[in-house]
Amino acid sequence: MTTVPYVYTPTTAGTTFEHLVEAVRHEGVYPTREGAEKVIRTVLTVLGRQVTGEERVEFAAHLPLEAALVFTAQIPAATPLTGCEFVNELTTLTGGTGATTRWDTGSVLRVVNRTVDNVLIDRILTQLPPVYALLFGRSELIYRLNRIKVGQLNKPHTALNPGKRPLRGCFHSKCRYASAVPCLCTITFACA
């Protein structure tokens, strides 16, 4: 694997680290800036090991400098972690629970998703296991990536993932897929 040298060239005008922290603080309903900043640093640290190649450099260029340095300080792994492994590693680093870690991760990645170009996010998500699409708030990509079988549509989540509780974000009546886009229930968090 070749490592692409990182040269910071910002492509997101007007986005500062302070703006990112405030956006994550608002998205995740964190009481303090310090809490939001800690979550950003932790998530970007682990994510930095998952993204490789040109996408890594482009992704970092869309982040504020301080966040880009945290992201690129990590050496990319040979193979990306599965969704469960990603969440479990973050849980170990933060000392939280799986549920709070998924909340933290989703809060950071949804804000980053709004900052980064959609085409770039699509390219990054094709490198990673399907659960990352949910973490980035891009559940519609699961179908484009052919990760959920069409026959699973309109089945209750309990049939897809017995004994699992829905995560934050499930607004479908009676916890069923009411549209072509799945909610954030635990269908891909088999380890939750």
Protein backbone atom coordinates (compact mmCIF):
# COMPACT_ATOMS: atom_id res chain seq x y z
CA MET A 1 0.00 0.00 0.00
CA THR A 2 1.34 3.41 -0.88
CA THR A 3 0.79 6.35 1.42
CA VAL A 4 -0.17 9.60 -0.24
CA PRO A 5 1.60 12.56 1.41
CA TYR A 6 -0.85 14.97 2.96
CA VAL A 7 -0.76 18.64 2.06
CA TYR A 8 -3.53 20.72 3.61
CA THR A 9 -5.45 22.72 1.03
CA PRO A 10 -8.88 23.66 2.39
CA THR A 11 -11.79 23.27 0.00
CA THR A 12 -14.62 24.16 2.36
CA ALA A 13 -14.81 27.94 2.58
CA GLY A 14 -15.81 29.38 5.92
CA THR A 15 -15.70 26.15 7.91
CA THR A 16 -13.49 26.45 10.96
CA PHE A 17 -12.85 23.96 13.71
CA GLU A 18 -14.98 26.08 16.02
CA HIS A 19 -17.89 25.87 13.55
CA LEU A 20 -17.44 22.10 13.35
CA VAL A 21 -17.43 21.78 17.15
CA GLU A 22 -20.56 23.91 17.46
CA ALA A 23 -22.35 21.94 14.73
CA VAL A 24 -21.49 18.62 16.42
CA ARG A 25 -22.46 20.04 19.79
CA HIS A 26 -25.86 20.99 18.37
CA GLU A 27 -26.33 17.71 16.43
CA GLY A 28 -25.36 15.51 19.38
CA VAL A 29 -26.94 17.71 22.06
CA TYR A 30 -23.68 17.88 24.03
CA PRO A 31 -23.76 20.23 27.02
CA THR A 32 -20.21 21.52 26.50
CA ARG A 33 -17.87 22.38 23.65
CA GLU A 34 -15.22 20.20 25.29
CA GLY A 35 -17.48 17.15 25.09
CA ALA A 36 -18.20 17.78 21.41
CA GLU A 37 -14.52 18.38 20.66
CA LYS A 38 -13.51 15.13 22.40
CA VAL A 39 -16.07 13.18 20.35
CA ILE A 40 -14.83 14.78 17.10
CA ARG A 41 -11.21 13.92 17.87
CA THR A 42 -12.02 10.33 18.84
CA VAL A 43 -14.23 9.59 15.82
CA LEU A 44 -11.82 11.19 13.34
CA THR A 45 -8.89 9.31 14.91
CA VAL A 46 -10.52 5.92 14.28
CA LEU A 47 -12.00 6.96 10.92
CA GLY A 48 -8.53 8.11 9.85
CA ARG A 49 -7.40 4.47 9.90
CA GLN A 50 -10.27 3.37 7.65
CA VAL A 51 -10.05 5.73 4.66
CA THR A 52 -7.23 5.31 2.15
CA GLY A 53 -5.92 6.66 -1.14
CA GLU A 54 -7.01 9.84 -2.87
CA GLU A 55 -10.28 9.83 -0.93
CA ARG A 56 -8.29 10.21 2.30
CA VAL A 57 -6.49 13.30 1.01
CA GLU A 58 -9.66 14.85 -0.46
CA PHE A 59 -11.65 14.12 2.71
CA ALA A 60 -8.99 15.78 4.87
CA ALA A 61 -9.01 18.82 2.58
CA HIS A 62 -12.72 19.31 3.30
CA LEU A 63 -12.11 19.36 7.05
CA PRO A 64 -10.92 22.34 9.09
CA LEU A 65 -7.13 22.22 9.65
CA GLU A 66 -7.28 20.98 13.25
CA ALA A 67 -9.71 18.18 12.34
CA ALA A 68 -7.69 17.31 9.22
CA LEU A 69 -4.54 16.90 11.31
CA VAL A 70 -6.32 14.52 13.70
CA PHE A 71 -7.72 12.53 10.76
CA THR A 72 -4.43 12.24 8.85
CA ALA A 73 -2.26 11.52 11.91
CA GLN A 74 -3.40 7.90 11.71
CA ILE A 75 -1.76 5.29 9.50
CA PRO A 76 -4.43 3.64 7.32
CA ALA A 77 -5.22 0.02 8.12
CA ALA A 78 -4.73 -2.68 5.49
CA THR A 79 -8.43 -3.54 5.68
CA PRO A 80 -11.19 -1.37 7.17
CA LEU A 81 -12.90 -2.39 10.37
CA THR A 82 -16.41 -3.77 10.12
CA GLY A 83 -19.15 -1.57 11.53
CA CYS A 84 -19.15 -3.54 14.78
CA GLU A 85 -15.39 -3.35 15.12
CA PHE A 86 -15.45 0.39 14.41
CA VAL A 87 -18.09 1.02 17.09
CA ASN A 88 -16.37 -1.34 19.54
CA GLU A 89 -13.02 0.40 19.11
CA LEU A 90 -14.64 3.76 19.72
CA THR A 91 -16.46 2.32 22.75
CA THR A 92 -13.13 1.14 24.16
CA LEU A 93 -11.50 4.55 23.58
CA THR A 94 -14.37 6.54 25.08
CA GLY A 95 -15.34 4.16 27.85
CA GLY A 96 -19.00 4.61 26.90
CA THR A 97 -21.66 2.13 25.90
CA GLY A 98 -22.39 0.89 22.40
CA ALA A 99 -25.49 3.08 22.22
CA THR A 100 -23.71 6.27 23.29
CA THR A 101 -20.85 5.49 20.92
CA ARG A 102 -23.24 5.09 17.97
CA TRP A 103 -24.85 8.39 18.96
CA ASP A 104 -21.45 10.12 19.16
CA THR A 105 -20.27 8.64 15.88
CA GLY A 106 -23.47 9.52 14.06
CA SER A 107 -23.38 13.07 15.44
CA VAL A 108 -19.87 13.69 14.09
CA LEU A 109 -20.26 11.91 10.77
CA ARG A 110 -23.62 13.48 9.93
CA VAL A 111 -22.12 16.94 10.42
CA VAL A 112 -19.07 15.98 8.35
CA ASN A 113 -21.40 14.57 5.68
CA ARG A 114 -23.00 18.01 5.33
CA THR A 115 -19.55 19.59 4.99
CA VAL A 116 -18.00 17.20 2.47
CA ASP A 117 -18.97 16.77 -1.17
CA ASN A 118 -21.59 14.02 -1.67
CA VAL A 119 -19.65 12.42 -4.53
CA LEU A 120 -16.59 12.11 -2.29
CA ILE A 121 -18.66 10.57 0.52
CA ASP A 122 -20.09 8.08 -1.99
CA ARG A 123 -16.55 7.11 -3.06
CA ILE A 124 -15.43 6.72 0.56
CA LEU A 125 -18.45 4.61 1.43
CA THR A 126 -17.77 2.21 -1.43
CA GLN A 127 -14.43 1.42 0.30
CA LEU A 128 -16.07 0.71 3.65
CA PRO A 129 -18.56 -1.84 4.99
CA PRO A 130 -22.24 -0.83 4.59
CA VAL A 131 -22.84 0.25 8.19
CA TYR A 132 -20.73 3.34 7.57
CA ALA A 133 -23.47 4.68 5.28
CA LEU A 134 -25.83 4.71 8.26
CA LEU A 135 -23.22 6.35 10.47
CA PHE A 136 -22.75 9.10 7.88
CA GLY A 137 -26.53 9.60 7.75
CA ARG A 138 -26.62 8.24 4.19
CA SER A 139 -28.88 5.22 4.62
CA GLU A 140 -30.14 5.53 1.04
CA LEU A 141 -26.70 4.40 -0.17
CA ILE A 142 -27.16 0.95 1.30
CA TYR A 143 -29.48 0.11 -1.59
CA ARG A 144 -27.20 1.65 -4.18
CA LEU A 145 -24.37 -0.42 -2.77
CA ASN A 146 -26.61 -3.53 -2.96
CA ARG A 147 -26.04 -4.32 0.68
CA ILE A 148 -29.63 -5.05 1.77
CA LYS A 149 -31.64 -7.58 -0.20
CA VAL A 150 -34.79 -6.19 -1.77
CA GLY A 151 -36.80 -9.00 -0.16
CA GLN A 152 -36.05 -7.53 3.26
CA LEU A 153 -38.05 -4.38 2.54
CA ASN A 154 -41.27 -3.90 4.48
CA LYS A 155 -40.30 -6.49 7.08
CA PRO A 156 -40.34 -5.51 10.74
CA HIS A 157 -36.88 -4.79 12.10
CA THR A 158 -37.30 -7.55 14.65
CA ALA A 159 -37.48 -10.04 11.78
CA LEU A 160 -34.24 -8.65 10.38
CA ASN A 161 -32.48 -8.40 13.72
CA PRO A 162 -34.27 -10.43 16.43
CA GLY A 163 -34.08 -9.07 19.95
CA LYS A 164 -32.54 -5.75 18.95
CA ARG A 165 -34.01 -2.40 19.86
CA PRO A 166 -34.30 0.39 17.30
CA LEU A 167 -31.70 3.13 17.47
CA ARG A 168 -32.32 6.85 17.47
CA GLY A 169 -33.77 7.88 14.14
CA CYS A 170 -36.47 5.25 13.66
CA PHE A 171 -39.57 7.27 12.90
CA HIS A 172 -41.46 4.72 10.82
CA SER A 173 -44.79 3.65 12.24
CA LYS A 174 -44.65 0.30 13.99
CA CYS A 175 -40.94 0.15 13.17
CA ARG A 176 -41.45 -0.99 9.58
CA TYR A 177 -39.82 0.21 6.43
CA ALA A 178 -42.41 2.62 5.11
CA SER A 179 -40.29 3.84 2.23
CA ALA A 180 -37.36 2.81 0.07
CA VAL A 181 -34.98 4.36 2.60
CA PRO A 182 -34.32 2.47 5.85
CA CYS A 183 -34.20 4.20 9.19
CA LEU A 184 -31.29 3.90 11.59
CA CYS A 185 -32.56 0.78 13.33
CA THR A 186 -30.07 -1.91 14.22
CA ILE A 187 -30.40 -3.90 11.01
CA THR A 188 -26.67 -3.53 10.37
CA PHE A 189 -25.53 -3.36 14.00
CA ALA A 190 -25.70 -7.09 14.64
CA CYS A 191 -23.18 -6.70 17.45
CA ALA A 192 -25.23 -4.04 19.28
